[in-house]
Amino acid sequence: MASQCRSLSFSSDDNGQSKFRGKLLTIDSKLGSQDVEALKFLCRDCISHKELEKASSASDIFDHLLAEEQLSEEDSFFLAELLYLIKQKSLLRYLNQTKEQVESLLPTRGRVSLFRKLLYELSESISSDNLKNMIFLQRDSIPKIQMTSLSFLAYLERQGQIDEDNLKLLEDLCRRVVPNLVRKIEKYKREKASQAPPTRVVDKELVSLPQGEEETFPCYNVEPLLEALPIVLSVLVCTYLEVELLDHMETGVYRMNRKHRGHCVVVNNHTFTSMNDRPGTDKDAEHLKHVFEWLGFSVCVYDNVTKGRLDEVLQEYKCHPGHADGDCFVFCVLSHGKYGAVYSSDEILVPIQEITSHFTAQKCPSLAHKPKLFFIQACQGEEIQPPVYIEADAVNPEHVAPSLQKSIPNEADFLLGLATVPGYLALRHVVDGSWYIQSLCHHLRSLVPRNEDILSILTAVNHDVSQKADSKGKWKQMPQPAFTLRKKLVFPVPPERL
C-alpha cells in the first residue's frame, strides 16, 4: 500500500487546487503496487517509457499528468477512466464521479485505446502458470528476468512483436496456453472493425428494372421478400465490413481513421546570424502548410528557429498528448545544411539523426507503430555559385558523406525525404521556392486523390526534380528518400480538392 505521508511534487497555488491535490494524495494512498503497475501500463500511450520507468507511485503518474495538462481539477475524467479500468470504482467518489457517470461518458470521452484495454484484460486472465508457459514458448526472444503478465505483454509490444493491427503471436500463445482468451481477441477485432469506417465506397448502382415491366409483378406475393429484406441487408453489411477489414490487413496499409490525422511541424529558417538569407523559403513553408492542412493535419510553422528553440519544439512534440489519437506525424525542415545535418538560425549544426531520434517508440510511445515522416530541404554537399535566380542551401562543404540511413532511427515506421542525395546541392528559386518542396506539394495534391501511396508519390517527385535544370542547363538535382515503413501509407482523399 502506498504511504500516506508521501507528498506530491506540485507547485503551490490556490486552496482549491491544494484540495484537489489532497484528493489525489488520498487516492494514491489507497492504491497498491499492482494498481500502480496497471496505471503505468494503461498510460503507455500518453506518457513516455522513460517517465514511466521513473514512476514508483501513483502520485508520480498524477504529477506527470498534471504537468502535461492531461489532468486537472476541472477535467479529471482521464483519471476516472483509469480508476474504472483497474476496478477501483470506489475511489471515483474523490473525483466527484460515479461508476454510472463514467460508463455513460466512456464511449465519447474515453482515451485508453481498445488495444491497450485488450492487453490489460488479457493480463488479468493470465495466471502465473500460464505466464510461465508463455515465456517458455518465447524463451529465445525473452530476457531471463522476473516478469508479470503486464510486463510480458509490454515487452512484446516494445519489441514490435504485437501491435493494434498485428496480434498473430498473441493469438498463437493464447490458443496454445489459455484457449478461452482467444474469444477476447476476436471480440477486440470486431469492435475495432466496427469503429473503422469503410475505406472504399460502393459505387456500383443498383440494377433497376426497365420501364414498363412493373406490370408483370402484381401476380407475385412480395410480402415474404419484404419481411426477409432486413435480414438480407444485415448479412450483406456484415460481409462487406469483413471483406473491407481483410482487404486492409492483407494489403498492409497504415491505419488512417483515428480521431485526427496528426500534427505537422514546419521549421522555416530564412534569416541567419551571418550566413546568407534564404529567399523563397517562405513560399515553401506556405505551400507545405496549405497541403498538409488539406490532408487533415494540424500544422504549425516556426520561423527562424534557434537551436534552443528547436530543442523546445522537439521536446513539445515528443510529449504531445495529441499523438495518441493521431494517425501520423510530419516534421519538415527548410534551412541551410551540410552532410547529414541542418543549421539552426543561430548557425548551430544539428544532425538530422538528433531530430528524428526524439520520435522513436521508446521516447514517444504514442507514435509507436505509426508512420513518422521527415522532409528536409537543405543541401548535403558542396556549395556552388549559382545564377541570380537560383541559390544553393549548402554551407561549409565537407568531403566525406555519411550514409543517409544513419539519419533515421534503427526501427520501423520512419521515412526521411531529403531534397538531394548526400554530397550534392539542393536548389531553391528565390521567388518560387525550392524544386523539391514545390514538387512534393504538387504531387501530394495531384496523386493523393488517386489513392497513390507515399513512396509512389516520392518516386514521382524524384522523376520530376531530376528533369529540372537551371536556365543554362548546368545544375541538376536528385532527391533521395530513406525509409523503414512496414506498410503502405495512403492518405485518405480529402473531401475537397485544393
Protein backbone atom coordinates (compact mmCIF):
# COMPACT_ATOMS: atom_id res chain seq x y z
CA MET A 1 0.00 0.00 0.00
CA ALA A 2 1.34 3.41 -0.88
CA SER A 3 2.48 5.51 2.05
CA GLN A 4 0.02 8.14 3.21
CA CYS A 5 2.79 10.56 4.16
CA ARG A 6 4.15 10.76 0.57
CA SER A 7 3.93 14.28 -0.79
CA LEU A 8 3.23 15.23 -4.41
CA SER A 9 5.83 17.44 -6.08
CA PHE A 10 3.36 20.08 -7.26
CA SER A 11 3.87 23.83 -7.11
CA SER A 12 1.71 25.62 -4.53
CA ASP A 13 -1.17 27.83 -5.67
CA ASP A 14 -4.75 28.48 -4.55
CA ASN A 15 -6.62 26.50 -1.93
CA GLY A 16 -8.93 24.87 -4.50
CA GLN A 17 -6.05 23.23 -6.29
CA SER A 18 -4.48 22.26 -2.97
CA LYS A 19 -7.68 20.44 -2.07
CA PHE A 20 -7.60 18.65 -5.42
CA ARG A 21 -4.02 17.57 -4.79
CA GLY A 22 -5.12 16.35 -1.40
CA LYS A 23 -7.73 14.16 -3.07
CA LEU A 24 -5.07 12.79 -5.42
CA LEU A 25 -2.86 12.01 -2.44
CA THR A 26 -5.74 10.14 -0.82
CA ILE A 27 -6.28 8.12 -3.99
CA ASP A 28 -2.54 7.39 -4.08
CA SER A 29 -2.61 6.10 -0.52
CA LYS A 30 -5.35 3.60 -1.38
CA LEU A 31 -3.59 2.06 -4.38
CA GLY A 32 -1.18 -0.85 -4.09
CA SER A 33 1.85 -1.76 -6.17
CA GLN A 34 -0.22 -3.84 -8.63
CA ASP A 35 -2.54 -0.88 -9.15
CA VAL A 36 0.45 1.35 -9.88
CA GLU A 37 1.78 -1.16 -12.42
CA ALA A 38 -1.65 -1.22 -14.07
CA LEU A 39 -1.80 2.60 -14.21
CA LYS A 40 1.65 2.74 -15.78
CA PHE A 41 0.63 0.20 -18.40
CA LEU A 42 -2.62 1.98 -19.27
CA CYS A 43 -0.72 5.29 -19.63
CA ARG A 44 1.84 3.91 -22.10
CA ASP A 45 0.22 5.80 -24.99
CA CYS A 46 0.37 9.20 -23.29
CA ILE A 47 3.48 9.10 -21.07
CA SER A 48 6.95 8.27 -22.36
CA HIS A 49 8.60 4.97 -21.44
CA LYS A 50 11.40 6.87 -19.70
CA GLU A 51 8.97 8.79 -17.47
CA LEU A 52 7.00 5.65 -16.65
CA GLU A 53 10.19 3.81 -15.67
CA LYS A 54 10.95 6.58 -13.17
CA ALA A 55 7.44 6.47 -11.67
CA SER A 56 7.37 4.44 -8.47
CA SER A 57 3.96 5.50 -7.20
CA ALA A 58 0.58 6.65 -8.40
CA SER A 59 1.47 10.17 -7.27
CA ASP A 60 4.39 10.21 -9.72
CA ILE A 61 1.95 9.42 -12.52
CA PHE A 62 -0.53 12.06 -11.31
CA ASP A 63 2.34 14.56 -11.15
CA HIS A 64 3.22 13.95 -14.79
CA LEU A 65 -0.40 14.09 -15.96
CA LEU A 66 -0.87 17.40 -14.19
CA ALA A 67 2.33 18.85 -15.64
CA GLU A 68 1.26 17.79 -19.15
CA GLU A 69 -2.27 19.21 -18.57
CA GLN A 70 -3.82 15.79 -19.08
CA LEU A 71 -5.35 16.00 -15.60
CA SER A 72 -6.85 18.97 -13.78
CA GLU A 73 -9.45 19.77 -11.15
CA GLU A 74 -11.76 20.98 -13.93
CA ASP A 75 -11.30 17.85 -16.03
CA SER A 76 -10.39 14.70 -14.12
CA PHE A 77 -12.15 12.26 -16.43
CA PHE A 78 -8.96 10.59 -17.69
CA LEU A 79 -8.06 9.60 -14.13
CA ALA A 80 -11.66 8.47 -13.55
CA GLU A 81 -11.37 6.27 -16.64
CA LEU A 82 -8.12 4.76 -15.35
CA LEU A 83 -9.58 4.02 -11.91
CA TYR A 84 -12.64 2.47 -13.55
CA LEU A 85 -10.48 0.20 -15.73
CA ILE A 86 -8.35 -1.04 -12.82
CA LYS A 87 -11.57 -1.76 -10.90
CA GLN A 88 -11.02 0.86 -8.22
CA LYS A 89 -14.52 2.25 -8.70
CA SER A 90 -14.91 3.15 -5.03
CA LEU A 91 -12.22 5.82 -5.48
CA LEU A 92 -14.28 7.65 -8.08
CA ARG A 93 -16.04 9.50 -5.26
CA TYR A 94 -12.86 11.52 -4.64
CA LEU A 95 -13.26 12.89 -8.15
CA ASN A 96 -16.97 13.55 -7.63
CA GLN A 97 -17.80 10.84 -10.17
CA THR A 98 -19.90 7.70 -10.07
CA LYS A 99 -19.48 4.40 -11.87
CA GLU A 100 -22.62 5.11 -13.91
CA GLN A 101 -21.37 8.55 -14.96
CA VAL A 102 -18.05 7.15 -16.11
CA GLU A 103 -19.74 4.32 -18.04
CA SER A 104 -22.02 6.78 -19.85
CA LEU A 105 -19.10 9.03 -20.87
CA LEU A 106 -16.59 6.35 -21.88
CA PRO A 107 -17.89 5.93 -25.46
CA THR A 108 -17.28 9.63 -26.24
CA ARG A 109 -14.55 10.69 -23.81
CA GLY A 110 -12.55 7.52 -23.24
CA ARG A 111 -8.83 7.95 -24.01
CA VAL A 112 -7.45 4.48 -23.38
CA SER A 113 -7.33 2.66 -26.71
CA LEU A 114 -9.13 -0.61 -27.45
CA PHE A 115 -5.72 -2.25 -27.92
CA ARG A 116 -4.45 -1.08 -24.53
CA LYS A 117 -7.65 -2.25 -22.81
CA LEU A 118 -7.43 -5.63 -24.54
CA LEU A 119 -3.88 -6.23 -23.30
CA TYR A 120 -4.85 -5.21 -19.78
CA GLU A 121 -7.89 -7.52 -19.78
CA LEU A 122 -5.77 -10.40 -21.07
CA SER A 123 -3.15 -9.80 -18.37
CA GLU A 124 -5.80 -10.15 -15.67
CA SER A 125 -6.72 -13.60 -17.02
CA ILE A 126 -3.17 -14.92 -17.38
CA SER A 127 -2.26 -16.87 -14.24
CA SER A 128 1.32 -17.31 -13.04
CA ASP A 129 1.40 -20.81 -14.51
CA ASN A 130 0.01 -19.54 -17.81
CA LEU A 131 2.67 -16.84 -17.84
CA LYS A 132 5.47 -19.36 -17.24
CA ASN A 133 4.24 -21.43 -20.17
CA MET A 134 4.05 -18.41 -22.47
CA ILE A 135 7.56 -17.29 -21.50
CA PHE A 136 8.79 -20.86 -22.09
CA LEU A 137 7.38 -20.80 -25.61
CA GLN A 138 9.11 -17.46 -26.27
CA ARG A 139 12.30 -18.15 -24.30
CA ASP A 140 14.59 -17.50 -27.27
CA SER A 141 13.39 -13.90 -27.51
CA ILE A 142 12.53 -13.10 -23.87
CA PRO A 143 15.20 -11.94 -21.38
CA LYS A 144 15.64 -14.05 -18.27
CA ILE A 145 14.17 -11.59 -15.82
CA GLN A 146 11.22 -11.70 -13.46
CA MET A 147 8.07 -10.72 -15.33
CA THR A 148 4.42 -10.15 -14.59
CA SER A 149 1.76 -10.72 -17.21
CA LEU A 150 1.64 -6.95 -17.83
CA SER A 151 5.40 -6.56 -18.20
CA PHE A 152 5.46 -9.59 -20.53
CA LEU A 153 2.84 -8.05 -22.83
CA ALA A 154 4.56 -4.66 -22.63
CA TYR A 155 7.84 -6.28 -23.67
CA LEU A 156 6.24 -7.94 -26.71
CA GLU A 157 4.79 -4.56 -27.69
CA ARG A 158 8.09 -2.70 -27.25
CA GLN A 159 9.84 -5.26 -29.43
CA GLY A 160 7.26 -4.75 -32.17
CA GLN A 161 6.05 -8.36 -31.94
CA ILE A 162 2.46 -7.24 -31.32
CA ASP A 163 0.55 -4.07 -32.11
CA GLU A 164 -3.03 -2.99 -32.65
CA ASP A 165 -3.03 -4.42 -36.19
CA ASN A 166 -0.88 -7.50 -35.56
CA LEU A 167 -2.00 -9.93 -32.87
CA LYS A 168 -0.91 -13.17 -34.54
CA LEU A 169 1.77 -14.02 -31.96
CA LEU A 170 -0.57 -13.25 -29.07
CA GLU A 171 -3.34 -15.34 -30.60
CA ASP A 172 -0.96 -18.27 -31.05
CA LEU A 173 0.22 -18.04 -27.43
CA CYS A 174 -3.32 -17.84 -26.08
CA ARG A 175 -4.52 -20.66 -28.32
CA ARG A 176 -1.77 -22.94 -27.00
CA VAL A 177 -1.83 -21.92 -23.33
CA VAL A 178 -5.19 -20.25 -22.48
CA PRO A 179 -7.60 -21.03 -25.35
CA ASN A 180 -10.56 -19.22 -23.79
CA LEU A 181 -8.71 -15.88 -24.15
CA VAL A 182 -8.89 -16.13 -27.94
CA ARG A 183 -12.50 -15.00 -27.66
CA LYS A 184 -11.35 -11.70 -26.13
CA ILE A 185 -9.03 -11.09 -29.09
CA GLU A 186 -11.78 -11.91 -31.56
CA LYS A 187 -14.12 -9.52 -29.74
CA TYR A 188 -11.44 -6.80 -29.94
CA LYS A 189 -11.15 -7.31 -33.70
CA ARG A 190 -14.91 -6.98 -34.14
CA GLU A 191 -15.03 -3.79 -32.07
CA LYS A 192 -12.05 -2.33 -33.89
CA ALA A 193 -13.66 -3.13 -37.23
CA SER A 194 -16.93 -1.52 -36.16
CA GLN A 195 -15.10 1.69 -35.21
CA ALA A 196 -13.32 1.90 -38.56
CA PRO A 197 -15.39 3.43 -41.37
CA PRO A 198 -15.15 1.57 -44.69
CA THR A 199 -12.17 2.71 -46.76
CA ARG A 200 -13.97 2.23 -50.07
CA VAL A 201 -17.35 3.45 -51.20
CA VAL A 202 -19.55 1.06 -53.15
CA ASP A 203 -20.08 2.93 -56.39
CA LYS A 204 -21.98 0.28 -58.34
CA GLU A 205 -25.54 1.38 -58.96
CA LEU A 206 -28.44 -0.86 -58.09
CA VAL A 207 -29.80 -2.54 -61.19
CA SER A 208 -33.18 -1.02 -61.99
CA LEU A 209 -35.97 -2.64 -63.92
CA PRO A 210 -36.65 -1.47 -67.48
CA GLN A 211 -39.59 0.83 -67.81
CA GLY A 212 -42.87 -0.87 -68.42
CA GLU A 213 -42.04 -4.13 -66.66
CA GLU A 214 -43.60 -3.20 -63.34
CA GLU A 215 -46.97 -4.54 -64.51
CA THR A 216 -45.64 -8.10 -64.63
CA PHE A 217 -45.11 -8.36 -60.84
CA PRO A 218 -48.50 -7.88 -59.13
CA CYS A 219 -49.26 -11.57 -59.51
CA TYR A 220 -46.47 -12.42 -57.02
CA ASN A 221 -46.74 -12.22 -53.26
CA VAL A 222 -43.79 -9.99 -52.26
CA GLU A 223 -44.57 -9.81 -48.52
CA PRO A 224 -42.20 -12.70 -47.60
CA LEU A 225 -39.45 -10.94 -49.52
CA LEU A 226 -40.09 -7.69 -47.68
CA GLU A 227 -40.03 -9.49 -44.32
CA ALA A 228 -36.68 -11.10 -45.16
CA LEU A 229 -35.16 -7.88 -46.51
CA PRO A 230 -33.74 -6.58 -43.17
CA ILE A 231 -32.01 -9.93 -42.57
CA VAL A 232 -30.53 -9.96 -46.07
CA LEU A 233 -29.30 -6.39 -45.73
CA SER A 234 -27.75 -7.17 -42.33
CA VAL A 235 -25.86 -10.15 -43.77
CA LEU A 236 -24.67 -8.07 -46.72
CA VAL A 237 -23.42 -5.25 -44.48
CA CYS A 238 -21.56 -7.65 -42.16
CA THR A 239 -20.00 -9.45 -45.12
CA TYR A 240 -18.94 -6.15 -46.63
CA LEU A 241 -17.27 -4.97 -43.40
CA GLU A 242 -15.44 -8.29 -43.03
CA VAL A 243 -14.16 -8.05 -46.62
CA GLU A 244 -13.04 -4.48 -46.00
CA LEU A 245 -11.14 -5.48 -42.84
CA LEU A 246 -9.49 -8.47 -44.52
CA ASP A 247 -8.54 -6.34 -47.50
CA HIS A 248 -6.97 -3.75 -45.17
CA MET A 249 -5.00 -6.39 -43.27
CA GLU A 250 -3.84 -8.28 -46.35
CA THR A 251 -2.64 -5.24 -48.26
CA GLY A 252 -0.78 -3.91 -45.25
CA VAL A 253 -1.90 -0.27 -45.13
CA TYR A 254 -1.28 2.04 -42.18
CA ARG A 255 -4.43 2.92 -40.28
CA MET A 256 -5.73 6.38 -41.20
CA ASN A 257 -9.08 6.65 -39.41
CA ARG A 258 -8.34 7.79 -35.86
CA LYS A 259 -9.83 10.95 -34.39
CA HIS A 260 -7.46 13.22 -36.33
CA ARG A 261 -4.77 12.89 -38.97
CA GLY A 262 -1.95 14.15 -36.77
CA HIS A 263 0.48 17.04 -36.35
CA CYS A 264 2.77 18.60 -38.94
CA VAL A 265 5.69 20.82 -37.86
CA VAL A 266 7.46 23.14 -40.32
CA VAL A 267 10.78 24.71 -39.26
CA ASN A 268 11.35 27.56 -41.72
CA ASN A 269 14.74 29.28 -41.43
CA HIS A 270 15.07 32.36 -43.62
CA THR A 271 17.46 34.59 -41.70
CA PHE A 272 20.74 33.59 -40.04
CA THR A 273 23.37 35.28 -37.90
CA SER A 274 26.00 35.56 -40.63
CA MET A 275 25.01 33.11 -43.39
CA ASN A 276 23.09 34.23 -46.48
CA ASP A 277 19.33 34.62 -46.19
CA ARG A 278 17.14 32.02 -47.92
CA PRO A 279 14.65 33.98 -50.10
CA GLY A 280 11.90 31.75 -51.47
CA THR A 281 11.70 29.61 -48.34
CA ASP A 282 8.51 31.35 -47.16
CA LYS A 283 6.82 30.12 -50.35
CA ASP A 284 7.84 26.56 -49.44
CA ALA A 285 6.51 26.94 -45.88
CA GLU A 286 3.23 28.40 -47.16
CA HIS A 287 2.69 25.55 -49.62
CA LEU A 288 3.55 22.88 -47.02
CA LYS A 289 1.08 24.43 -44.60
CA HIS A 290 -1.74 24.51 -47.16
CA VAL A 291 -1.16 20.98 -48.45
CA PHE A 292 -0.87 19.25 -45.07
CA GLU A 293 -3.85 21.16 -43.67
CA TRP A 294 -5.76 19.94 -46.75
CA LEU A 295 -4.68 16.40 -45.83
CA GLY A 296 -6.17 16.88 -42.36
CA PHE A 297 -3.08 17.71 -40.29
CA SER A 298 -2.78 20.38 -37.61
CA VAL A 299 0.12 22.44 -38.96
CA CYS A 300 2.44 24.75 -37.00
CA VAL A 301 5.11 26.81 -38.79
CA TYR A 302 8.10 28.04 -36.77
CA ASP A 303 10.18 30.79 -38.41
CA ASN A 304 13.91 31.41 -37.84
CA VAL A 305 14.34 28.76 -35.17
CA THR A 306 17.42 28.87 -32.93
CA LYS A 307 18.98 25.70 -31.56
CA GLY A 308 17.44 26.37 -28.14
CA ARG A 309 14.01 26.92 -29.64
CA LEU A 310 14.37 23.80 -31.81
CA ASP A 311 15.08 21.74 -28.68
CA GLU A 312 11.90 23.15 -27.11
CA VAL A 313 9.82 22.32 -30.19
CA LEU A 314 11.21 18.78 -30.35
CA GLN A 315 10.52 18.25 -26.66
CA GLU A 316 6.99 19.65 -27.00
CA TYR A 317 6.07 17.33 -29.86
CA LYS A 318 7.84 14.33 -28.38
CA CYS A 319 5.43 14.53 -25.43
CA HIS A 320 2.41 15.92 -27.29
CA PRO A 321 -0.80 14.29 -25.95
CA GLY A 322 -2.43 14.67 -29.37
CA HIS A 323 -0.31 11.86 -30.83
CA ALA A 324 -2.42 9.26 -29.02
CA ASP A 325 -5.43 9.94 -31.25
CA GLY A 326 -3.46 10.81 -34.40
CA ASP A 327 -2.66 8.66 -37.44
CA CYS A 328 0.68 10.10 -38.44
CA PHE A 329 3.38 12.71 -37.71
CA VAL A 330 5.20 15.01 -40.15
CA PHE A 331 8.28 17.17 -39.49
CA CYS A 332 9.73 19.48 -42.17
CA VAL A 333 12.97 21.49 -42.03
CA LEU A 334 13.76 24.27 -44.51
CA SER A 335 17.27 25.58 -43.87
CA HIS A 336 20.93 25.65 -44.82
CA GLY A 337 22.71 22.36 -44.28
CA LYS A 338 25.59 20.04 -44.98
CA TYR A 339 26.25 16.31 -44.81
CA GLY A 340 23.63 14.65 -42.58
CA ALA A 341 22.78 17.88 -40.74
CA VAL A 342 20.89 21.19 -40.89
CA TYR A 343 21.62 24.61 -39.44
CA SER A 344 19.55 26.42 -36.84
CA SER A 345 19.03 30.15 -37.38
CA ASP A 346 21.84 30.88 -34.88
CA GLU A 347 24.08 28.69 -37.08
CA ILE A 348 24.46 25.64 -34.87
CA LEU A 349 24.77 22.45 -36.89
CA VAL A 350 22.09 19.92 -35.87
CA PRO A 351 22.42 16.30 -37.05
CA ILE A 352 19.23 15.06 -38.73
CA GLN A 353 19.51 11.95 -36.56
CA GLU A 354 19.21 14.16 -33.46
CA ILE A 355 15.85 15.40 -34.76
CA THR A 356 14.41 12.04 -35.77
CA SER A 357 15.57 10.25 -32.61
CA HIS A 358 13.08 12.22 -30.48
CA PHE A 359 10.23 10.22 -32.01
CA THR A 360 11.28 6.61 -31.52
CA ALA A 361 8.81 4.22 -29.90
CA GLN A 362 10.76 4.39 -26.63
CA LYS A 363 10.91 8.18 -26.42
CA CYS A 364 7.48 8.85 -27.94
CA PRO A 365 5.33 5.77 -27.26
CA SER A 366 2.12 7.40 -28.52
CA LEU A 367 3.64 7.39 -32.04
CA ALA A 368 4.71 3.74 -31.87
CA HIS A 369 3.59 1.74 -34.94
CA LYS A 370 2.51 4.96 -36.67
CA PRO A 371 4.26 6.49 -39.70
CA LYS A 372 6.65 9.36 -38.95
CA LEU A 373 7.66 11.45 -41.99
CA PHE A 374 10.58 13.90 -42.13
CA PHE A 375 11.18 16.16 -45.14
CA ILE A 376 14.45 18.10 -45.29
CA GLN A 377 15.08 20.94 -47.76
CA ALA A 378 18.79 21.64 -47.26
CA CYS A 379 21.98 20.99 -49.18
CA GLN A 380 24.00 17.93 -48.28
CA GLY A 381 27.20 18.77 -50.14
CA GLU A 382 29.41 21.35 -51.82
CA GLU A 383 28.30 24.94 -52.26
CA ILE A 384 28.49 26.48 -55.74
CA GLN A 385 27.96 29.96 -57.10
CA PRO A 386 24.56 29.83 -58.79
CA PRO A 387 22.99 32.40 -61.16
CA VAL A 388 20.92 35.18 -59.65
CA TYR A 389 17.60 33.28 -59.61
CA ILE A 390 18.98 30.02 -58.21
CA GLU A 391 20.60 29.63 -54.82
CA ALA A 392 22.14 26.65 -53.06
CA ASP A 393 21.27 25.66 -49.49
CA ALA A 394 24.86 24.47 -48.85
CA VAL A 395 27.32 25.76 -46.27
CA ASN A 396 30.89 24.76 -45.39
CA PRO A 397 31.37 21.73 -47.65
CA GLU A 398 32.95 18.54 -46.39
CA HIS A 399 34.31 15.65 -48.43
CA VAL A 400 33.01 12.51 -46.72
CA ALA A 401 29.26 11.91 -46.86
CA PRO A 402 27.67 9.68 -44.19
CA SER A 403 25.05 7.14 -45.13
CA LEU A 404 21.56 8.62 -45.32
CA GLN A 405 20.25 5.57 -43.45
CA LYS A 406 22.15 6.73 -40.35
CA SER A 407 19.88 9.76 -40.13
CA ILE A 408 16.81 7.67 -39.32
CA PRO A 409 16.44 5.55 -36.16
CA ASN A 410 17.06 1.83 -36.42
CA GLU A 411 13.39 0.93 -36.01
CA ALA A 412 10.22 0.69 -38.02
CA ASP A 413 7.78 3.33 -39.34
CA PHE A 414 10.17 6.16 -40.29
CA LEU A 415 10.54 7.95 -43.60
CA LEU A 416 13.16 10.59 -44.35
CA GLY A 417 12.86 12.58 -47.57
CA LEU A 418 15.97 14.57 -48.46
CA ALA A 419 15.92 17.21 -51.19
CA THR A 420 19.18 15.82 -52.55
CA VAL A 421 21.50 12.85 -52.29
CA PRO A 422 24.41 13.18 -49.84
CA GLY A 423 27.26 15.25 -51.24
CA TYR A 424 25.15 17.42 -53.56
CA LEU A 425 23.20 20.65 -53.70
CA ALA A 426 19.52 21.35 -53.06
CA LEU A 427 18.39 24.18 -55.32
CA ARG A 428 15.91 26.91 -54.46
CA HIS A 429 14.32 29.60 -56.63
CA VAL A 430 14.44 32.93 -54.78
CA VAL A 431 10.80 33.69 -55.68
CA ASP A 432 9.05 30.41 -56.40
CA GLY A 433 10.64 28.26 -53.68
CA SER A 434 12.72 25.09 -53.82
CA TRP A 435 12.48 22.49 -56.57
CA TYR A 436 11.97 19.67 -54.09
CA ILE A 437 9.33 21.14 -51.77
CA GLN A 438 7.32 22.63 -54.64
CA SER A 439 7.35 19.27 -56.44
CA LEU A 440 6.43 17.42 -53.23
CA CYS A 441 3.42 19.70 -52.64
CA HIS A 442 2.34 19.48 -56.28
CA HIS A 443 2.44 15.68 -56.33
CA LEU A 444 0.67 15.32 -52.99
CA ARG A 445 -2.14 17.48 -54.40
CA SER A 446 -2.38 15.53 -57.63
CA LEU A 447 -1.69 11.94 -56.53
CA VAL A 448 -3.41 11.64 -53.13
CA PRO A 449 -6.84 11.88 -54.87
CA ARG A 450 -5.71 8.90 -57.00
CA ASN A 451 -5.02 6.84 -53.84
CA GLU A 452 -1.27 6.64 -54.51
CA ASP A 453 0.89 5.66 -51.52
CA ILE A 454 3.63 7.96 -50.22
CA LEU A 455 6.53 6.01 -51.78
CA SER A 456 4.89 6.15 -55.20
CA ILE A 457 4.41 9.89 -54.71
CA LEU A 458 8.07 10.36 -53.75
CA THR A 459 9.13 8.34 -56.80
CA ALA A 460 7.16 10.79 -58.95
CA VAL A 461 8.85 13.68 -57.12
CA ASN A 462 12.26 12.13 -57.83
CA HIS A 463 11.44 11.91 -61.53
CA ASP A 464 10.07 15.45 -61.67
CA VAL A 465 13.01 17.08 -59.88
CA SER A 466 15.58 15.05 -61.83
CA GLN A 467 14.18 16.53 -65.06
CA LYS A 468 14.62 20.12 -63.88
CA ALA A 469 17.65 22.26 -64.70
CA ASP A 470 18.70 25.86 -64.28
CA SER A 471 18.34 28.31 -67.17
CA LYS A 472 21.74 27.28 -68.57
CA GLY A 473 21.10 23.57 -68.17
CA LYS A 474 24.11 23.28 -65.88
CA TRP A 475 22.79 22.33 -62.46
CA LYS A 476 20.67 19.28 -61.73
CA GLN A 477 19.25 17.74 -58.56
CA MET A 478 18.20 14.27 -57.40
CA PRO A 479 16.14 13.81 -54.20
CA GLN A 480 16.55 10.69 -52.07
CA PRO A 481 14.19 9.02 -49.59
CA ALA A 482 15.19 6.53 -46.89
CA PHE A 483 12.56 4.61 -45.00
CA THR A 484 11.74 1.79 -42.60
CA LEU A 485 7.99 1.80 -43.28
CA ARG A 486 6.35 -1.61 -42.73
CA LYS A 487 3.16 -0.90 -44.67
CA LYS A 488 1.79 1.30 -47.41
CA LEU A 489 0.98 4.85 -46.34
CA VAL A 490 -2.07 6.09 -48.25
CA PHE A 491 -3.57 9.40 -47.16
CA PRO A 492 -7.40 9.44 -47.31
CA VAL A 493 -8.72 11.58 -50.14
CA PRO A 494 -9.79 14.97 -48.71
CA PRO A 495 -13.44 15.91 -49.32
CA GLU A 496 -12.47 18.96 -51.37
CA ARG A 497 -9.73 19.48 -53.94
CA LEU A 498 -7.05 22.02 -53.02
